[in-house]
Amino acid sequence: MTDVPNHVRDVAPKKRWHWWHIALAAALGLFLLSLLGGSPDLKVTLSRNGEIQIQNIGRKAIQVRGVRVNDQANCKVVTMLNLSNPDANPWPISLEVGGGIGLIPFCRAVRVAIDTTAGSSTYEFK
């Protein structure tokens, strides 16, 4: 009897991505992005007299934890809460939906970085 070579190899089956694998991966990615925060839903404007106006246009209340003007620690901002004592720390300030605050910087605002519980964002004015 002659030996017949076996030409059939053991091949592992290919792993296929099913539609639910892709959907699960996309849902997990969106969930992780939402956990990281992102940018808050704020409307930030600069009035003619130099006042920075911040309004919450999002869907839930947030807290403003701090504001930095022109990336300078010496350019302080005051609110009506600490107008009489500019060195006092007014943060955090709660903003309900539609609520706003006005900030008066001690320098001409060109760039404003706002840190909130919903994330951080930088706004520039020309």
Protein backbone atom coordinates (compact mmCIF):
# COMPACT_ATOMS: atom_id res chain seq x y z
CA MET A 1 0.00 0.00 0.00
CA THR A 2 1.34 3.41 -0.92
CA ASP A 3 1.15 6.46 1.25
CA VAL A 4 -0.96 9.23 -0.23
CA PRO A 5 0.17 12.67 0.91
CA ASN A 6 -2.50 14.67 2.65
CA HIS A 7 -2.87 17.98 0.83
CA VAL A 8 -5.50 19.27 3.22
CA ARG A 9 -4.09 21.58 5.83
CA ASP A 10 -5.70 22.58 9.05
CA VAL A 11 -6.66 26.18 8.47
CA ALA A 12 -8.09 28.25 11.28
CA PRO A 13 -11.36 29.86 10.31
CA LYS A 14 -11.21 33.61 9.65
CA LYS A 15 -12.68 35.81 12.31
CA ARG A 16 -15.43 37.88 10.84
CA TRP A 17 -16.78 41.10 12.21
CA HIS A 18 -20.50 40.83 12.46
CA TRP A 19 -22.72 43.91 12.33
CA TRP A 20 -23.27 43.80 16.09
CA HIS A 21 -19.50 43.85 16.72
CA ILE A 22 -19.24 47.08 14.76
CA ALA A 23 -22.29 48.59 16.47
CA LEU A 24 -20.94 47.67 19.89
CA ALA A 25 -17.51 49.17 19.10
CA ALA A 26 -19.13 52.41 17.85
CA ALA A 27 -21.34 52.67 20.96
CA LEU A 28 -18.35 52.11 23.21
CA GLY A 29 -16.38 54.79 21.36
CA LEU A 30 -19.19 57.34 21.72
CA PHE A 31 -19.54 56.52 25.40
CA LEU A 32 -15.82 57.05 26.01
CA LEU A 33 -15.91 60.38 24.16
CA SER A 34 -18.81 61.55 26.32
CA LEU A 35 -16.88 60.65 29.47
CA LEU A 36 -13.89 62.70 28.40
CA GLY A 37 -16.03 65.80 28.35
CA GLY A 38 -15.38 67.88 25.32
CA SER A 39 -16.25 71.47 25.02
CA PRO A 40 -19.06 73.05 27.00
CA ASP A 41 -22.08 74.61 25.30
CA LEU A 42 -21.36 78.25 26.06
CA LYS A 43 -21.96 81.48 24.20
CA VAL A 44 -19.03 83.77 24.95
CA THR A 45 -19.04 87.38 23.77
CA LEU A 46 -17.00 90.48 24.39
CA SER A 47 -18.94 93.72 24.82
CA ARG A 48 -17.72 97.11 23.60
CA ASN A 49 -16.66 98.12 27.10
CA GLY A 50 -14.49 94.97 27.42
CA GLU A 51 -16.83 92.86 29.55
CA ILE A 52 -16.71 89.11 28.90
CA GLN A 53 -20.24 87.68 28.84
CA ILE A 54 -20.71 83.93 29.28
CA GLN A 55 -24.09 82.26 28.76
CA ASN A 56 -24.96 78.56 29.20
CA ILE A 57 -26.75 77.47 26.00
CA GLY A 58 -26.46 73.74 26.79
CA ARG A 59 -29.09 71.29 27.97
CA LYS A 60 -28.04 71.05 31.62
CA ALA A 61 -26.63 73.22 34.38
CA ILE A 62 -22.84 73.52 34.63
CA GLN A 63 -20.32 75.07 36.95
CA VAL A 64 -17.64 77.46 35.75
CA ARG A 65 -14.52 76.45 37.67
CA GLY A 66 -12.21 79.15 36.37
CA VAL A 67 -11.42 81.66 33.63
CA ARG A 68 -7.99 82.55 32.31
CA VAL A 69 -7.56 85.63 30.10
CA ASN A 70 -4.77 85.79 27.49
CA ASP A 71 -3.02 82.81 29.14
CA GLN A 72 -1.78 85.17 31.87
CA ALA A 73 -2.19 84.56 35.57
CA ASN A 74 -1.78 88.29 36.34
CA CYS A 75 -4.79 89.26 34.18
CA LYS A 76 -7.48 88.77 36.81
CA VAL A 77 -11.21 88.87 36.22
CA VAL A 78 -13.84 90.12 38.61
CA THR A 79 -17.55 89.50 38.81
CA MET A 80 -20.24 91.30 40.72
CA LEU A 81 -19.64 88.64 43.40
CA ASN A 82 -16.07 89.78 44.10
CA LEU A 83 -16.07 93.35 42.80
CA SER A 84 -15.25 94.81 46.20
CA ASN A 85 -12.47 92.24 46.78
CA PRO A 86 -10.80 91.28 43.46
CA ASP A 87 -8.41 88.86 45.19
CA ALA A 88 -11.30 86.74 46.46
CA ASN A 89 -11.96 83.50 44.58
CA PRO A 90 -15.53 83.47 43.16
CA TRP A 91 -15.19 80.00 41.59
CA PRO A 92 -17.08 77.77 41.03
CA ILE A 93 -20.04 79.70 39.67
CA SER A 94 -23.16 77.70 38.80
CA LEU A 95 -24.90 78.46 35.51
CA GLU A 96 -28.38 77.12 34.90
CA VAL A 97 -29.56 76.62 31.33
CA GLY A 98 -29.92 80.10 29.85
CA GLY A 99 -28.07 81.66 32.77
CA GLY A 100 -25.08 83.89 32.34
CA ILE A 101 -22.37 85.87 34.04
CA GLY A 102 -20.42 88.98 33.20
CA LEU A 103 -16.69 89.19 33.87
CA ILE A 104 -14.58 92.32 33.92
CA PRO A 105 -10.93 91.57 33.07
CA PHE A 106 -8.06 93.73 34.31
CA CYS A 107 -6.56 93.65 30.80
CA ARG A 108 -7.83 93.73 27.21
CA ALA A 109 -9.20 90.25 26.49
CA VAL A 110 -7.96 88.63 23.31
CA ARG A 111 -8.23 84.98 24.31
CA VAL A 112 -10.34 83.48 27.11
CA ALA A 113 -9.97 79.92 28.43
CA ILE A 114 -12.97 78.70 30.40
CA ASP A 115 -12.87 75.58 32.58
CA THR A 116 -16.24 74.02 33.44
CA THR A 117 -17.61 70.75 34.74
CA ALA A 118 -18.62 69.97 31.14
CA GLY A 119 -15.09 70.45 29.79
CA SER A 120 -12.79 73.29 28.81
CA SER A 121 -12.76 75.60 25.83
CA THR A 122 -10.83 78.58 24.54
CA TYR A 123 -12.47 81.53 22.79
CA GLU A 124 -10.72 84.25 20.79
CA PHE A 125 -11.79 87.80 20.02
CA LYS A 126 -10.59 90.10 17.27
